[in-house]
Amino acid sequence: MFRLFTRFRSRLNLAELVGLAAVLVTGFHLVRADAVTVGAVTAAALHFHRLFNPIGFLITQFDDFQEAGASLARLAGVATMSPPAERQVPETPADASLELRGVVHTYGDRTVLARRHPARRSR
């Protein structure tokens, strides 16, 4: 999207440059021929330049429009979600005992902990 934005913005700047140059070159020839005044050429150049302000504004605001659309899509997604399932309360243990089965821990090839048979340990 950023690449598209920069391409469009650069082409818009190029169009503004070419158009403004055309107005100024034409104005120069008209002033030289005493067909118009320097003030009229200046006014025409400024009016042409001001035509690009609304277009430039829309280009710079496009990111905000896109962000607003994405936020609206998120809100619509949250609004259409089904409510979460009720959480089941886990059973309370009878006591604080701990049972280990088949626990083994080794460092390299040396076994440092091996509990192969069930063991009950209370706190």
PDB file of N, CA and C in Angstrom:
ATOM      1  N   MET A   1       0.821  -1.189   0.000  1.00  0.00           N
ATOM      2  CA  MET A   1       0.000   0.000   0.000  1.00  0.00           C
ATOM      3  C   MET A   1       0.869   1.259   0.000  1.00  0.00           C
ATOM      4  N   PHE A   2       1.968   1.199   0.773  1.00  0.00           N
ATOM      5  CA  PHE A   2       2.852   2.366   0.834  1.00  0.00           C
ATOM      6  C   PHE A   2       3.504   2.624  -0.520  1.00  0.00           C
ATOM      7  N   ARG A   3       3.859   1.549  -1.214  1.00  0.00           N
ATOM      8  CA  ARG A   3       4.463   1.695  -2.536  1.00  0.00           C
ATOM      9  C   ARG A   3       3.466   2.356  -3.496  1.00  0.00           C
ATOM     10  N   LEU A   4       2.213   1.940  -3.438  1.00  0.00           N
ATOM     11  CA  LEU A   4       1.179   2.541  -4.282  1.00  0.00           C
ATOM     12  C   LEU A   4       0.990   4.014  -3.935  1.00  0.00           C
ATOM     13  N   PHE A   5       1.000   4.305  -2.645  1.00  0.00           N
ATOM     14  CA  PHE A   5       0.854   5.691  -2.197  1.00  0.00           C
ATOM     15  C   PHE A   5       1.993   6.566  -2.714  1.00  0.00           C
ATOM     16  N   THR A   6       3.229   6.089  -2.611  1.00  0.00           N
ATOM     17  CA  THR A   6       4.365   6.905  -3.055  1.00  0.00           C
ATOM     18  C   THR A   6       4.378   7.066  -4.573  1.00  0.00           C
ATOM     19  N   ARG A   7       3.980   6.035  -5.308  1.00  0.00           N
ATOM     20  CA  ARG A   7       3.896   6.168  -6.771  1.00  0.00           C
ATOM     21  C   ARG A   7       2.861   7.210  -7.166  1.00  0.00           C
ATOM     22  N   PHE A   8       1.693   7.123  -6.550  1.00  0.00           N
ATOM     23  CA  PHE A   8       0.635   8.065  -6.896  1.00  0.00           C
ATOM     24  C   PHE A   8       1.028   9.484  -6.516  1.00  0.00           C
ATOM     25  N   ARG A   9       1.628   9.633  -5.345  1.00  0.00           N
ATOM     26  CA  ARG A   9       2.033  10.961  -4.878  1.00  0.00           C
ATOM     27  C   ARG A   9       3.119  11.549  -5.792  1.00  0.00           C
ATOM     28  N   SER A  10       4.072  10.729  -6.226  1.00  0.00           N
ATOM     29  CA  SER A  10       5.120  11.244  -7.108  1.00  0.00           C
ATOM     30  C   SER A  10       4.549  11.626  -8.472  1.00  0.00           C
ATOM     31  N   ARG A  11       3.610  10.864  -8.977  1.00  0.00           N
ATOM     32  CA  ARG A  11       2.978  11.217 -10.261  1.00  0.00           C
ATOM     33  C   ARG A  11       2.139  12.475 -10.125  1.00  0.00           C
ATOM     34  N   LEU A  12       1.513  12.644  -8.984  1.00  0.00           N
ATOM     35  CA  LEU A  12       0.752  13.870  -8.754  1.00  0.00           C
ATOM     36  C   LEU A  12       1.689  15.072  -8.708  1.00  0.00           C
ATOM     37  N   ASN A  13       2.831  14.930  -8.055  1.00  0.00           N
ATOM     38  CA  ASN A  13       3.817  16.018  -8.026  1.00  0.00           C
ATOM     39  C   ASN A  13       4.351  16.324  -9.417  1.00  0.00           C
ATOM     40  N   LEU A  14       4.577  15.287 -10.216  1.00  0.00           N
ATOM     41  CA  LEU A  14       5.049  15.487 -11.581  1.00  0.00           C
ATOM     42  C   LEU A  14       3.996  16.216 -12.415  1.00  0.00           C
ATOM     43  N   ALA A  15       2.744  15.838 -12.259  1.00  0.00           N
ATOM     44  CA  ALA A  15       1.659  16.509 -12.996  1.00  0.00           C
ATOM     45  C   ALA A  15       1.570  17.973 -12.588  1.00  0.00           C
ATOM     46  N   GLU A  16       1.725  18.250 -11.310  1.00  0.00           N
ATOM     47  CA  GLU A  16       1.693  19.635 -10.846  1.00  0.00           C
ATOM     48  C   GLU A  16       2.868  20.431 -11.413  1.00  0.00           C
ATOM     49  N   LEU A  17       4.044  19.831 -11.445  1.00  0.00           N
ATOM     50  CA  LEU A  17       5.224  20.500 -11.993  1.00  0.00           C
ATOM     51  C   LEU A  17       5.047  20.812 -13.478  1.00  0.00           C
ATOM     52  N   VAL A  18       4.604  19.832 -14.242  1.00  0.00           N
ATOM     53  CA  VAL A  18       4.439  20.026 -15.689  1.00  0.00           C
ATOM     54  C   VAL A  18       3.360  21.071 -15.962  1.00  0.00           C
ATOM     55  N   GLY A  19       2.247  20.976 -15.253  1.00  0.00           N
ATOM     56  CA  GLY A  19       1.162  21.943 -15.460  1.00  0.00           C
ATOM     57  C   GLY A  19       1.560  23.353 -15.072  1.00  0.00           C
ATOM     58  N   LEU A  20       2.224  23.493 -13.937  1.00  0.00           N
ATOM     59  CA  LEU A  20       2.647  24.825 -13.489  1.00  0.00           C
ATOM     60  C   LEU A  20       3.703  25.401 -14.427  1.00  0.00           C
ATOM     61  N   ALA A  21       4.608  24.553 -14.904  1.00  0.00           N
ATOM     62  CA  ALA A  21       5.608  25.020 -15.871  1.00  0.00           C
ATOM     63  C   ALA A  21       4.928  25.479 -17.160  1.00  0.00           C
ATOM     64  N   ALA A  22       3.917  24.757 -17.609  1.00  0.00           N
ATOM     65  CA  ALA A  22       3.193  25.145 -18.824  1.00  0.00           C
ATOM     66  C   ALA A  22       2.493  26.488 -18.636  1.00  0.00           C
ATOM     67  N   VAL A  23       1.879  26.687 -17.472  1.00  0.00           N
ATOM     68  CA  VAL A  23       1.208  27.966 -17.193  1.00  0.00           C
ATOM     69  C   VAL A  23       2.231  29.098 -17.182  1.00  0.00           C
ATOM     70  N   LEU A  24       3.372  28.873 -16.529  1.00  0.00           N
ATOM     71  CA  LEU A  24       4.379  29.938 -16.437  1.00  0.00           C
ATOM     72  C   LEU A  24       5.032  30.236 -17.787  1.00  0.00           C
ATOM     73  N   VAL A  25       5.318  29.219 -18.578  1.00  0.00           N
ATOM     74  CA  VAL A  25       5.921  29.449 -19.898  1.00  0.00           C
ATOM     75  C   VAL A  25       4.924  30.172 -20.809  1.00  0.00           C
ATOM     76  N   THR A  26       3.678  29.726 -20.791  1.00  0.00           N
ATOM     77  CA  THR A  26       2.650  30.405 -21.593  1.00  0.00           C
ATOM     78  C   THR A  26       2.471  31.836 -21.117  1.00  0.00           C
ATOM     79  N   GLY A  27       2.449  32.025 -19.797  1.00  0.00           N
ATOM     80  CA  GLY A  27       2.315  33.368 -19.241  1.00  0.00           C
ATOM     81  C   GLY A  27       3.479  34.265 -19.617  1.00  0.00           C
ATOM     82  N   PHE A  28       4.697  33.693 -19.624  1.00  0.00           N
ATOM     83  CA  PHE A  28       5.866  34.469 -20.017  1.00  0.00           C
ATOM     84  C   PHE A  28       5.714  34.986 -21.447  1.00  0.00           C
ATOM     85  N   HIS A  29       5.298  34.123 -22.351  1.00  0.00           N
ATOM     86  CA  HIS A  29       5.136  34.533 -23.753  1.00  0.00           C
ATOM     87  C   HIS A  29       4.007  35.550 -23.916  1.00  0.00           C
ATOM     88  N   LEU A  30       2.947  35.403 -23.146  1.00  0.00           N
ATOM     89  CA  LEU A  30       1.838  36.357 -23.234  1.00  0.00           C
ATOM     90  C   LEU A  30       2.221  37.720 -22.663  1.00  0.00           C
ATOM     91  N   VAL A  31       2.991  37.729 -21.576  1.00  0.00           N
ATOM     92  CA  VAL A  31       3.446  39.000 -21.009  1.00  0.00           C
ATOM     93  C   VAL A  31       4.415  39.682 -21.975  1.00  0.00           C
ATOM     94  N   ARG A  32       5.263  38.903 -22.594  1.00  0.00           N
ATOM     95  CA  ARG A  32       6.230  39.453 -23.537  1.00  0.00           C
ATOM     96  C   ARG A  32       5.538  40.079 -24.750  1.00  0.00           C
ATOM     97  N   ALA A  33       4.395  39.513 -25.120  1.00  0.00           N
ATOM     98  CA  ALA A  33       3.638  40.043 -26.253  1.00  0.00           C
ATOM     99  C   ALA A  33       2.659  41.125 -25.812  1.00  0.00           C
ATOM    100  N   ASP A  34       2.697  41.528 -24.550  1.00  0.00           N
ATOM    101  CA  ASP A  34       1.788  42.524 -23.968  1.00  0.00           C
ATOM    102  C   ASP A  34       0.318  42.127 -24.091  1.00  0.00           C
ATOM    103  N   ALA A  35       0.043  40.808 -24.026  1.00  0.00           N
ATOM    104  CA  ALA A  35      -1.343  40.337 -24.083  1.00  0.00           C
ATOM    105  C   ALA A  35      -1.970  40.296 -22.691  1.00  0.00           C
ATOM    106  N   VAL A  36      -1.166  40.026 -21.665  1.00  0.00           N
ATOM    107  CA  VAL A  36      -1.654  39.986 -20.276  1.00  0.00           C
ATOM    108  C   VAL A  36      -0.619  40.648 -19.380  1.00  0.00           C
ATOM    109  N   THR A  37      -1.009  40.875 -18.121  1.00  0.00           N
ATOM    110  CA  THR A  37      -0.078  41.481 -17.170  1.00  0.00           C
ATOM    111  C   THR A  37       0.613  40.389 -16.356  1.00  0.00           C
ATOM    112  N   VAL A  38       1.685  40.790 -15.674  1.00  0.00           N
ATOM    113  CA  VAL A  38       2.408  39.850 -14.807  1.00  0.00           C
ATOM    114  C   VAL A  38       1.495  39.390 -13.672  1.00  0.00           C
ATOM    115  N   GLY A  39       0.655  40.278 -13.174  1.00  0.00           N
ATOM    116  CA  GLY A  39      -0.287  39.931 -12.105  1.00  0.00           C
ATOM    117  C   GLY A  39      -1.275  38.858 -12.543  1.00  0.00           C
ATOM    118  N   ALA A  40      -1.735  38.942 -13.793  1.00  0.00           N
ATOM    119  CA  ALA A  40      -2.679  37.942 -14.297  1.00  0.00           C
ATOM    120  C   ALA A  40      -2.005  36.573 -14.410  1.00  0.00           C
ATOM    121  N   VAL A  41      -0.765  36.563 -14.869  1.00  0.00           N
ATOM    122  CA  VAL A  41      -0.034  35.293 -14.976  1.00  0.00           C
ATOM    123  C   VAL A  41       0.215  34.721 -13.583  1.00  0.00           C
ATOM    124  N   THR A  42       0.571  35.582 -12.646  1.00  0.00           N
ATOM    125  CA  THR A  42       0.796  35.127 -11.265  1.00  0.00           C
ATOM    126  C   THR A  42      -0.491  34.555 -10.675  1.00  0.00           C
ATOM    127  N   ALA A  43      -1.605  35.224 -10.884  1.00  0.00           N
ATOM    128  CA  ALA A  43      -2.891  34.740 -10.384  1.00  0.00           C
ATOM    129  C   ALA A  43      -3.238  33.387 -11.011  1.00  0.00           C
ATOM    130  N   ALA A  44      -2.994  33.256 -12.327  1.00  0.00           N
ATOM    131  CA  ALA A  44      -3.288  31.985 -12.990  1.00  0.00           C
ATOM    132  C   ALA A  44      -2.415  30.865 -12.423  1.00  0.00           C
ATOM    133  N   ALA A  45      -1.139  31.151 -12.179  1.00  0.00           N
ATOM    134  CA  ALA A  45      -0.237  30.137 -11.631  1.00  0.00           C
ATOM    135  C   ALA A  45      -0.658  29.732 -10.218  1.00  0.00           C
ATOM    136  N   LEU A  46      -1.054  30.711  -9.409  1.00  0.00           N
ATOM    137  CA  LEU A  46      -1.490  30.401  -8.044  1.00  0.00           C
ATOM    138  C   LEU A  46      -2.798  29.616  -8.035  1.00  0.00           C
ATOM    139  N   HIS A  47      -3.719  29.958  -8.916  1.00  0.00           N
ATOM    140  CA  HIS A  47      -4.984  29.198  -9.008  1.00  0.00           C
ATOM    141  C   HIS A  47      -4.704  27.762  -9.437  1.00  0.00           C
ATOM    142  N   PHE A  48      -3.822  27.583 -10.415  1.00  0.00           N
ATOM    143  CA  PHE A  48      -3.477  26.229 -10.845  1.00  0.00           C
ATOM    144  C   PHE A  48      -2.831  25.449  -9.697  1.00  0.00           C
ATOM    145  N   HIS A  49      -1.948  26.091  -8.988  1.00  0.00           N
ATOM    146  CA  HIS A  49      -1.270  25.430  -7.860  1.00  0.00           C
ATOM    147  C   HIS A  49      -2.265  25.026  -6.772  1.00  0.00           C
ATOM    148  N   ARG A  50      -3.248  25.886  -6.539  1.00  0.00           N
ATOM    149  CA  ARG A  50      -4.238  25.591  -5.490  1.00  0.00           C
ATOM    150  C   ARG A  50      -5.189  24.470  -5.873  1.00  0.00           C
ATOM    151  N   LEU A  51      -5.266  24.116  -7.143  1.00  0.00           N
ATOM    152  CA  LEU A  51      -6.107  22.989  -7.553  1.00  0.00           C
ATOM    153  C   LEU A  51      -5.612  21.676  -6.958  1.00  0.00           C
ATOM    154  N   PHE A  52      -4.335  21.589  -6.689  1.00  0.00           N
ATOM    155  CA  PHE A  52      -3.769  20.337  -6.197  1.00  0.00           C
ATOM    156  C   PHE A  52      -3.887  20.182  -4.685  1.00  0.00           C
ATOM    157  N   ASN A  53      -4.252  21.238  -3.967  1.00  0.00           N
ATOM    158  CA  ASN A  53      -4.381  21.117  -2.506  1.00  0.00           C
ATOM    159  C   ASN A  53      -5.446  20.105  -2.083  1.00  0.00           C
ATOM    160  N   PRO A  54      -6.678  20.131  -2.635  1.00  0.00           N
ATOM    161  CA  PRO A  54      -7.666  19.127  -2.215  1.00  0.00           C
ATOM    162  C   PRO A  54      -7.244  17.698  -2.564  1.00  0.00           C
ATOM    163  N   ILE A  55      -6.605  17.530  -3.698  1.00  0.00           N
ATOM    164  CA  ILE A  55      -6.145  16.191  -4.083  1.00  0.00           C
ATOM    165  C   ILE A  55      -5.053  15.731  -3.124  1.00  0.00           C
ATOM    166  N   GLY A  56      -4.115  16.611  -2.804  1.00  0.00           N
ATOM    167  CA  GLY A  56      -3.059  16.275  -1.845  1.00  0.00           C
ATOM    168  C   GLY A  56      -3.624  15.958  -0.469  1.00  0.00           C
ATOM    169  N   PHE A  57      -4.661  16.689  -0.062  1.00  0.00           N
ATOM    170  CA  PHE A  57      -5.300  16.426   1.227  1.00  0.00           C
ATOM    171  C   PHE A  57      -5.901  15.025   1.250  1.00  0.00           C
ATOM    172  N   LEU A  58      -6.595  14.646   0.183  1.00  0.00           N
ATOM    173  CA  LEU A  58      -7.190  13.309   0.133  1.00  0.00           C
ATOM    174  C   LEU A  58      -6.119  12.222   0.166  1.00  0.00           C
ATOM    175  N   ILE A  59      -5.014  12.466  -0.498  1.00  0.00           N
ATOM    176  CA  ILE A  59      -3.939  11.474  -0.504  1.00  0.00           C
ATOM    177  C   ILE A  59      -3.360  11.310   0.901  1.00  0.00           C
ATOM    178  N   THR A  60      -3.141  12.405   1.600  1.00  0.00           N
ATOM    179  CA  THR A  60      -2.560  12.298   2.940  1.00  0.00           C
ATOM    180  C   THR A  60      -3.558  11.732   3.944  1.00  0.00           C
ATOM    181  N   GLN A  61      -4.844  11.914   3.700  1.00  0.00           N
ATOM    182  CA  GLN A  61      -5.863  11.390   4.609  1.00  0.00           C
ATOM    183  C   GLN A  61      -6.267   9.961   4.284  1.00  0.00           C
ATOM    184  N   PHE A  62      -5.793   9.412   3.183  1.00  0.00           N
ATOM    185  CA  PHE A  62      -6.171   8.067   2.778  1.00  0.00           C
ATOM    186  C   PHE A  62      -5.796   7.037   3.835  1.00  0.00           C
ATOM    187  N   ASP A  63      -4.655   7.213   4.470  1.00  0.00           N
ATOM    188  CA  ASP A  63      -4.234   6.288   5.517  1.00  0.00           C
ATOM    189  C   ASP A  63      -5.216   6.305   6.685  1.00  0.00           C
ATOM    190  N   ASP A  64      -5.693   7.490   7.050  1.00  0.00           N
ATOM    191  CA  ASP A  64      -6.677   7.584   8.128  1.00  0.00           C
ATOM    192  C   ASP A  64      -7.993   6.907   7.745  1.00  0.00           C
ATOM    193  N   PHE A  65      -8.402   7.075   6.491  1.00  0.00           N
ATOM    194  CA  PHE A  65      -9.632   6.417   6.025  1.00  0.00           C
ATOM    195  C   PHE A  65      -9.482   4.894   6.077  1.00  0.00           C
ATOM    196  N   GLN A  66      -8.334   4.409   5.681  1.00  0.00           N
ATOM    197  CA  GLN A  66      -8.088   2.974   5.687  1.00  0.00           C
ATOM    198  C   GLN A  66      -8.045   2.441   7.127  1.00  0.00           C
ATOM    199  N   GLU A  67      -7.432   3.190   8.029  1.00  0.00           N
ATOM    200  CA  GLU A  67      -7.379   2.800   9.438  1.00  0.00           C
ATOM    201  C   GLU A  67      -8.787   2.754  10.043  1.00  0.00           C
ATOM    202  N   ALA A  68      -9.601   3.738   9.707  1.00  0.00           N
ATOM    203  CA  ALA A  68     -10.974   3.764  10.223  1.00  0.00           C
ATOM    204  C   ALA A  68     -11.772   2.574   9.710  1.00  0.00           C
ATOM    205  N   GLY A  69     -11.577   2.214   8.447  1.00  0.00           N
ATOM    206  CA  GLY A  69     -12.275   1.052   7.895  1.00  0.00           C
ATOM    207  C   GLY A  69     -11.864  -0.240   8.580  1.00  0.00           C
ATOM    208  N   ALA A  70     -10.573  -0.387   8.865  1.00  0.00           N
ATOM    209  CA  ALA A  70     -10.102  -1.590   9.564  1.00  0.00           C
ATOM    210  C   ALA A  70     -10.654  -1.638  10.981  1.00  0.00           C
ATOM    211  N   SER A  71     -10.715  -0.504  11.646  1.00  0.00           N
ATOM    212  CA  SER A  71     -11.273  -0.463  13.007  1.00  0.00           C
ATOM    213  C   SER A  71     -12.750  -0.817  13.000  1.00  0.00           C
ATOM    214  N   LEU A  72     -13.472  -0.318  12.012  1.00  0.00           N
ATOM    215  CA  LEU A  72     -14.893  -0.638  11.901  1.00  0.00           C
ATOM    216  C   LEU A  72     -15.093  -2.127  11.658  1.00  0.00           C
ATOM    217  N   ALA A  73     -14.230  -2.733  10.838  1.00  0.00           N
ATOM    218  CA  ALA A  73     -14.326  -4.175  10.599  1.00  0.00           C
ATOM    219  C   ALA A  73     -14.074  -4.959  11.885  1.00  0.00           C
ATOM    220  N   ARG A  74     -13.113  -4.503  12.695  1.00  0.00           N
ATOM    221  CA  ARG A  74     -12.850  -5.170  13.973  1.00  0.00           C
ATOM    222  C   ARG A  74     -14.051  -5.061  14.908  1.00  0.00           C
ATOM    223  N   LEU A  75     -14.642  -3.862  14.972  1.00  0.00           N
ATOM    224  CA  LEU A  75     -15.818  -3.676  15.828  1.00  0.00           C
ATOM    225  C   LEU A  75     -16.966  -4.570  15.385  1.00  0.00           C
ATOM    226  N   ALA A  76     -17.179  -4.660  14.083  1.00  0.00           N
ATOM    227  CA  ALA A  76     -18.249  -5.525  13.574  1.00  0.00           C
ATOM    228  C   ALA A  76     -17.952  -6.980  13.916  1.00  0.00           C
ATOM    229  N   GLY A  77     -16.677  -7.376  13.844  1.00  0.00           N
ATOM    230  CA  GLY A  77     -16.307  -8.742  14.198  1.00  0.00           C
ATOM    231  C   GLY A  77     -16.556  -9.047  15.664  1.00  0.00           C
ATOM    232  N   VAL A  78     -16.249  -8.091  16.529  1.00  0.00           N
ATOM    233  CA  VAL A  78     -16.472  -8.294  17.967  1.00  0.00           C
ATOM    234  C   VAL A  78     -17.970  -8.334  18.261  1.00  0.00           C
ATOM    235  N   ALA A  79     -18.746  -7.504  17.577  1.00  0.00           N
ATOM    236  CA  ALA A  79     -20.186  -7.460  17.819  1.00  0.00           C
ATOM    237  C   ALA A  79     -20.873  -8.755  17.398  1.00  0.00           C
ATOM    238  N   THR A  80     -20.337  -9.445  16.404  1.00  0.00           N
ATOM    239  CA  THR A  80     -20.983 -10.671  15.923  1.00  0.00           C
ATOM    240  C   THR A  80     -20.435 -11.932  16.584  1.00  0.00           C
ATOM    241  N   MET A  81     -19.491 -11.781  17.510  1.00  0.00           N
ATOM    242  CA  MET A  81     -18.935 -12.963  18.194  1.00  0.00           C
ATOM    243  C   MET A  81     -19.968 -13.568  19.133  1.00  0.00           C
ATOM    244  N   SER A  82     -19.930 -14.891  19.257  1.00  0.00           N
ATOM    245  CA  SER A  82     -20.804 -15.541  20.230  1.00  0.00           C
ATOM    246  C   SER A  82     -20.188 -15.382  21.618  1.00  0.00           C
ATOM    247  N   PRO A  83     -21.025 -15.372  22.651  1.00  0.00           N
ATOM    248  CA  PRO A  83     -20.474 -15.193  23.999  1.00  0.00           C
ATOM    249  C   PRO A  83     -19.590 -16.386  24.366  1.00  0.00           C
ATOM    250  N   PRO A  84     -18.588 -16.156  25.206  1.00  0.00           N
ATOM    251  CA  PRO A  84     -17.692 -17.263  25.579  1.00  0.00           C
ATOM    252  C   PRO A  84     -18.430 -18.316  26.403  1.00  0.00           C
ATOM    253  N   ALA A  85     -17.972 -19.552  26.273  1.00  0.00           N
ATOM    254  CA  ALA A  85     -18.576 -20.643  27.047  1.00  0.00           C
ATOM    255  C   ALA A  85     -18.280 -20.436  28.530  1.00  0.00           C
ATOM    256  N   GLU A  86     -19.214 -20.899  29.348  1.00  0.00           N
ATOM    257  CA  GLU A  86     -19.024 -20.736  30.789  1.00  0.00           C
ATOM    258  C   GLU A  86     -17.868 -21.606  31.242  1.00  0.00           C
ATOM    259  N   ARG A  87     -17.065 -21.051  32.121  1.00  0.00           N
ATOM    260  CA  ARG A  87     -15.915 -21.791  32.632  1.00  0.00           C
ATOM    261  C   ARG A  87     -16.385 -22.820  33.651  1.00  0.00           C
ATOM    262  N   GLN A  88     -15.814 -23.995  33.545  1.00  0.00           N
ATOM    263  CA  GLN A  88     -16.133 -25.033  34.519  1.00  0.00           C
ATOM    264  C   GLN A  88     -15.185 -24.899  35.696  1.00  0.00           C
ATOM    265  N   VAL A  89     -15.741 -24.989  36.869  1.00  0.00           N
ATOM    266  CA  VAL A  89     -14.933 -24.885  38.079  1.00  0.00           C
ATOM    267  C   VAL A  89     -14.254 -26.233  38.302  1.00  0.00           C
ATOM    268  N   PRO A  90     -12.918 -26.243  38.420  1.00  0.00           N
ATOM    269  CA  PRO A  90     -12.238 -27.535  38.640  1.00  0.00           C
ATOM    270  C   PRO A  90     -12.587 -28.108  40.011  1.00  0.00           C
ATOM    271  N   GLU A  91     -12.500 -29.412  40.075  1.00  0.00           N
ATOM    272  CA  GLU A  91     -12.790 -30.073  41.346  1.00  0.00           C
ATOM    273  C   GLU A  91     -11.708 -29.732  42.370  1.00  0.00           C
ATOM    274  N   THR A  92     -12.116 -29.634  43.608  1.00  0.00           N
ATOM    275  CA  THR A  92     -11.177 -29.362  44.691  1.00  0.00           C
ATOM    276  C   THR A  92     -10.490 -30.670  45.060  1.00  0.00           C
ATOM    277  N   PRO A  93      -9.149 -30.683  45.155  1.00  0.00           N
ATOM    278  CA  PRO A  93      -8.446 -31.927  45.510  1.00  0.00           C
ATOM    279  C   PRO A  93      -8.774 -32.351  46.940  1.00  0.00           C
ATOM    280  N   ALA A  94      -8.716 -33.658  47.164  1.00  0.00           N
ATOM    281  CA  ALA A  94      -9.029 -34.198  48.492  1.00  0.00           C
ATOM    282  C   ALA A  94      -7.949 -33.854  49.508  1.00  0.00           C
ATOM    283  N   ASP A  95      -6.698 -33.888  49.091  1.00  0.00           N
ATOM    284  CA  ASP A  95      -5.596 -33.528  49.984  1.00  0.00           C
ATOM    285  C   ASP A  95      -4.471 -32.897  49.165  1.00  0.00           C
ATOM    286  N   ALA A  96      -3.350 -32.615  49.791  1.00  0.00           N
ATOM    287  CA  ALA A  96      -2.243 -31.945  49.115  1.00  0.00           C
ATOM    288  C   ALA A  96      -1.164 -32.927  48.688  1.00  0.00           C
ATOM    289  N   SER A  97      -1.560 -34.142  48.362  1.00  0.00           N
ATOM    290  CA  SER A  97      -0.563 -35.145  47.980  1.00  0.00           C
ATOM    291  C   SER A  97      -0.188 -34.983  46.508  1.00  0.00           C
ATOM    292  N   LEU A  98       0.978 -35.553  46.181  1.00  0.00           N
ATOM    293  CA  LEU A  98       1.517 -35.480  44.833  1.00  0.00           C
ATOM    294  C   LEU A  98       1.967 -36.864  44.432  1.00  0.00           C
ATOM    295  N   GLU A  99       1.569 -37.319  43.249  1.00  0.00           N
ATOM    296  CA  GLU A  99       1.943 -38.651  42.791  1.00  0.00           C
ATOM    297  C   GLU A  99       2.776 -38.536  41.529  1.00  0.00           C
ATOM    298  N   LEU A 100       3.968 -39.147  41.534  1.00  0.00           N
ATOM    299  CA  LEU A 100       4.869 -39.132  40.387  1.00  0.00           C
ATOM    300  C   LEU A 100       4.941 -40.535  39.806  1.00  0.00           C
ATOM    301  N   ARG A 101       4.905 -40.625  38.461  1.00  0.00           N
ATOM    302  CA  ARG A 101       5.019 -41.917  37.785  1.00  0.00           C
ATOM    303  C   ARG A 101       5.960 -41.765  36.604  1.00  0.00           C
ATOM    304  N   GLY A 102       6.932 -42.611  36.487  1.00  0.00           N
ATOM    305  CA  GLY A 102       7.828 -42.658  35.343  1.00  0.00           C
ATOM    306  C   GLY A 102       8.615 -41.386  35.116  1.00  0.00           C
ATOM    307  N   VAL A 103       9.099 -40.753  36.183  1.00  0.00           N
ATOM    308  CA  VAL A 103       9.869 -39.524  36.062  1.00  0.00           C
ATOM    309  C   VAL A 103      11.342 -39.876  35.954  1.00  0.00           C
ATOM    310  N   VAL A 104      12.004 -39.389  34.883  1.00  0.00           N
ATOM    311  CA  VAL A 104      13.425 -39.665  34.663  1.00  0.00           C
ATOM    312  C   VAL A 104      14.079 -38.372  34.189  1.00  0.00           C
ATOM    313  N   HIS A 105      15.294 -38.107  34.713  1.00  0.00           N
ATOM    314  CA  HIS A 105      16.063 -36.949  34.250  1.00  0.00           C
ATOM    315  C   HIS A 105      17.515 -37.358  34.128  1.00  0.00           C
ATOM    316  N   THR A 106      18.145 -36.995  33.001  1.00  0.00           N
ATOM    317  CA  THR A 106      19.529 -37.376  32.776  1.00  0.00           C
ATOM    318  C   THR A 106      20.351 -36.168  32.355  1.00  0.00           C
ATOM    319  N   TYR A 107      21.669 -36.252  32.649  1.00  0.00           N
ATOM    320  CA  TYR A 107      22.666 -35.313  32.135  1.00  0.00           C
ATOM    321  C   TYR A 107      23.563 -36.120  31.218  1.00  0.00           C
ATOM    322  N   GLY A 108      23.456 -35.888  29.929  1.00  0.00           N
ATOM    323  CA  GLY A 108      24.248 -36.672  28.988  1.00  0.00           C
ATOM    324  C   GLY A 108      23.849 -38.131  29.052  1.00  0.00           C
ATOM    325  N   ASP A 109      24.773 -39.013  29.427  1.00  0.00           N
ATOM    326  CA  ASP A 109      24.453 -40.439  29.523  1.00  0.00           C
ATOM    327  C   ASP A 109      24.267 -40.891  30.973  1.00  0.00           C
ATOM    328  N   ARG A 110      24.303 -39.988  31.921  1.00  0.00           N
ATOM    329  CA  ARG A 110      24.205 -40.316  33.345  1.00  0.00           C
ATOM    330  C   ARG A 110      22.803 -39.971  33.872  1.00  0.00           C
ATOM    331  N   THR A 111      22.122 -40.932  34.436  1.00  0.00           N
ATOM    332  CA  THR A 111      20.791 -40.728  35.008  1.00  0.00           C
ATOM    333  C   THR A 111      20.945 -40.166  36.403  1.00  0.00           C
ATOM    334  N   VAL A 112      20.295 -39.047  36.671  1.00  0.00           N
ATOM    335  CA  VAL A 112      20.399 -38.423  37.991  1.00  0.00           C
ATOM    336  C   VAL A 112      19.109 -38.548  38.793  1.00  0.00           C
ATOM    337  N   LEU A 113      17.998 -38.866  38.108  1.00  0.00           N
ATOM    338  CA  LEU A 113      16.725 -39.046  38.804  1.00  0.00           C
ATOM    339  C   LEU A 113      15.938 -40.095  38.061  1.00  0.00           C
ATOM    340  N   ALA A 114      15.497 -41.118  38.779  1.00  0.00           N
ATOM    341  CA  ALA A 114      14.662 -42.153  38.161  1.00  0.00           C
ATOM    342  C   ALA A 114      13.647 -42.615  39.187  1.00  0.00           C
ATOM    343  N   ARG A 115      12.400 -42.384  38.898  1.00  0.00           N
ATOM    344  CA  ARG A 115      11.311 -42.831  39.771  1.00  0.00           C
ATOM    345  C   ARG A 115      10.369 -43.609  38.856  1.00  0.00           C
ATOM    346  N   ARG A 116      10.554 -44.912  38.824  1.00  0.00           N
ATOM    347  CA  ARG A 116       9.791 -45.734  37.890  1.00  0.00           C
ATOM    348  C   ARG A 116       8.497 -46.253  38.504  1.00  0.00           C
ATOM    349  N   HIS A 117       8.464 -46.435  39.806  1.00  0.00           N
ATOM    350  CA  HIS A 117       7.257 -46.944  40.458  1.00  0.00           C
ATOM    351  C   HIS A 117       6.508 -45.788  41.104  1.00  0.00           C
ATOM    352  N   PRO A 118       5.186 -45.902  41.183  1.00  0.00           N
ATOM    353  CA  PRO A 118       4.425 -44.822  41.805  1.00  0.00           C
ATOM    354  C   PRO A 118       4.892 -44.557  43.231  1.00  0.00           C
ATOM    355  N   ALA A 119       4.995 -43.317  43.550  1.00  0.00           N
ATOM    356  CA  ALA A 119       5.374 -42.915  44.894  1.00  0.00           C
ATOM    357  C   ALA A 119       4.401 -41.872  45.368  1.00  0.00           C
ATOM    358  N   ARG A 120       3.962 -41.972  46.569  1.00  0.00           N
ATOM    359  CA  ARG A 120       3.062 -40.986  47.137  1.00  0.00           C
ATOM    360  C   ARG A 120       3.812 -40.185  48.160  1.00  0.00           C
ATOM    361  N   ARG A 121       3.650 -38.899  48.017  1.00  0.00           N
ATOM    362  CA  ARG A 121       4.351 -38.031  48.956  1.00  0.00           C
ATOM    363  C   ARG A 121       3.344 -36.997  49.446  1.00  0.00           C
ATOM    364  N   SER A 122       3.249 -36.820  50.701  1.00  0.00           N
ATOM    365  CA  SER A 122       2.334 -35.830  51.283  1.00  0.00           C
ATOM    366  C   SER A 122       3.114 -34.651  51.790  1.00  0.00           C
ATOM    367  N   ARG A 123       2.470 -33.559  51.798  1.00  0.00           N
ATOM    368  CA  ARG A 123       3.100 -32.345  52.345  1.00  0.00           C
ATOM    369  C   ARG A 123       2.811 -32.197  53.795  1.00  0.00           C
TER     370      ARG A 123
END
